[in-house]
Protein backbone atom coordinates (compact mmCIF):
# COMPACT_ATOMS: atom_id res chain seq x y z
CA MET A 1 16.76 -7.17 3.14
CA SER A 2 14.22 -6.88 0.38
CA VAL A 3 10.68 -6.00 -0.60
CA THR A 4 9.21 -7.79 -3.63
CA LEU A 5 6.24 -7.79 -5.98
CA SER A 6 4.15 -10.77 -7.01
CA ALA A 7 3.60 -11.31 -10.73
CA ALA A 8 -0.02 -10.11 -10.34
CA ALA A 9 1.08 -6.90 -8.59
CA ALA A 10 3.71 -6.22 -11.27
CA ARG A 11 1.13 -6.67 -14.05
CA HIS A 12 -1.26 -4.25 -12.35
CA ILE A 13 1.48 -1.67 -11.71
CA ASN A 14 2.78 -1.92 -15.29
CA LYS A 15 -0.75 -1.35 -16.66
CA PHE A 16 -1.24 1.68 -14.44
CA LEU A 17 2.17 3.19 -15.26
CA ALA A 18 1.49 2.70 -18.98
CA LYS A 19 -1.88 4.44 -18.63
CA ARG A 20 -0.23 7.34 -16.73
CA GLY A 21 2.54 7.53 -19.30
CA LYS A 22 5.24 7.94 -16.65
CA GLY A 23 6.69 6.39 -13.52
CA VAL A 24 9.54 4.14 -12.41
CA GLY A 25 7.66 1.88 -9.99
CA VAL A 26 6.08 2.08 -6.55
CA ARG A 27 7.07 3.62 -3.24
CA LEU A 28 6.18 1.65 -0.11
CA GLY A 29 6.38 2.74 3.49
CA VAL A 30 4.61 2.80 6.82
CA LYS A 31 3.09 5.53 8.95
CA THR A 32 1.90 5.56 12.54
CA THR A 33 -1.89 5.41 12.50
CA GLY A 34 -4.82 3.04 12.48
CA CYS A 35 -6.30 0.83 15.14
CA SER A 36 -3.28 -1.50 15.27
CA GLY A 37 -0.54 1.14 15.29
CA MET A 38 0.92 1.28 11.78
CA ALA A 39 -0.53 1.58 8.30
CA TYR A 40 1.00 0.93 4.91
CA LYS A 41 1.70 3.72 2.45
CA LEU A 42 1.68 2.93 -1.27
CA GLU A 43 2.12 5.38 -4.11
CA TYR A 44 3.33 5.35 -7.67
CA ALA A 45 6.81 6.83 -7.99
CA ASP A 46 7.93 9.06 -10.83
CA ASP A 47 11.48 9.53 -9.55
CA VAL A 48 13.94 7.91 -7.17
CA ASP A 49 14.64 10.17 -4.17
CA ALA A 50 18.19 10.42 -2.82
CA ASP A 51 17.32 8.58 0.41
CA ASP A 52 15.24 5.81 -1.21
CA LEU A 53 16.36 2.21 -0.88
CA VAL A 54 15.79 0.66 -4.30
CA PHE A 55 14.78 -2.97 -4.84
CA GLU A 56 14.20 -4.47 -8.30
CA SER A 57 11.35 -6.95 -8.57
CA GLN A 58 9.55 -8.28 -11.63
CA GLY A 59 11.30 -5.62 -13.73
CA LEU A 60 10.03 -2.72 -11.60
CA LYS A 61 11.58 -0.54 -8.93
CA VAL A 62 10.25 -0.85 -5.39
CA LEU A 63 11.32 2.22 -3.41
CA VAL A 64 11.37 2.18 0.40
CA ASP A 65 12.40 4.89 2.84
CA PRO A 66 15.06 3.71 5.33
CA LYS A 67 12.84 4.27 8.39
CA SER A 68 10.09 2.00 7.02
CA LEU A 69 12.31 -0.90 5.94
CA PRO A 70 12.62 -2.59 9.37
CA TYR A 71 8.81 -2.89 9.48
CA ILE A 72 8.32 -4.18 5.92
CA ASP A 73 11.54 -6.09 5.24
CA GLY A 74 10.65 -9.37 3.52
CA THR A 75 7.20 -8.12 2.46
CA GLU A 76 5.68 -9.20 -0.83
CA LEU A 77 3.18 -6.81 -2.39
CA ASP A 78 0.45 -8.80 -4.13
CA PHE A 79 -2.62 -7.80 -6.13
CA VAL A 80 -5.65 -9.94 -5.39
CA ARG A 81 -9.22 -10.25 -6.57
CA GLU A 82 -11.73 -11.59 -4.08
CA GLY A 83 -15.26 -11.67 -5.48
CA LEU A 84 -16.07 -8.18 -6.72
CA ASN A 85 -13.23 -6.59 -4.76
CA GLU A 86 -9.66 -6.16 -5.89
CA GLY A 87 -6.63 -4.45 -4.46
CA PHE A 88 -3.11 -4.64 -3.18
CA LYS A 89 -2.31 -6.97 -0.29
CA PHE A 90 0.82 -6.77 1.84
CA ASN A 91 2.21 -10.19 2.78
CA ASN A 92 4.36 -8.97 5.65
CA PRO A 93 6.22 -11.59 7.72
CA ASN A 94 6.91 -8.96 10.42
CA ALA A 95 3.25 -8.21 11.18
CA LYS A 96 2.22 -9.78 14.49
CA ASN A 97 -1.38 -8.56 14.39
CA GLU A 98 -3.63 -6.81 11.88
CA CYS A 99 -6.83 -4.92 12.50
CA GLY A 100 -10.07 -6.45 11.27
CA CYS A 101 -10.19 -4.31 8.13
CA GLY A 102 -6.56 -5.14 7.20
CA GLU A 103 -5.56 -1.49 6.92
CA SER A 104 -3.19 -1.40 9.88
CA PHE A 105 -0.80 -3.73 11.72
CA ASN A 106 1.73 -3.94 14.52
CA VAL A 107 5.10 -5.65 14.83
């Protein structure tokens, strides 16, 4: 079981954490919502919570709550630029379908 970061995602996260002046990595999870059933949660993490599962990737901590892991196990978080747009992209092998906007998925 693991969740990883691409090199591009790690560079972006490191820049942001340096600008903030604090943080240990990112916290990933899922919530029930959206047109396909589940949506990703992504936030910068300042501390490791007692119930967090901790994965090390590209020198950063990726924190996942135990309830979300079955839905995002094996996911790689990437940071992509497409034309004038840029943002994080979840490469999730568990996702069977995604909505048209890419904000939600189902397994």
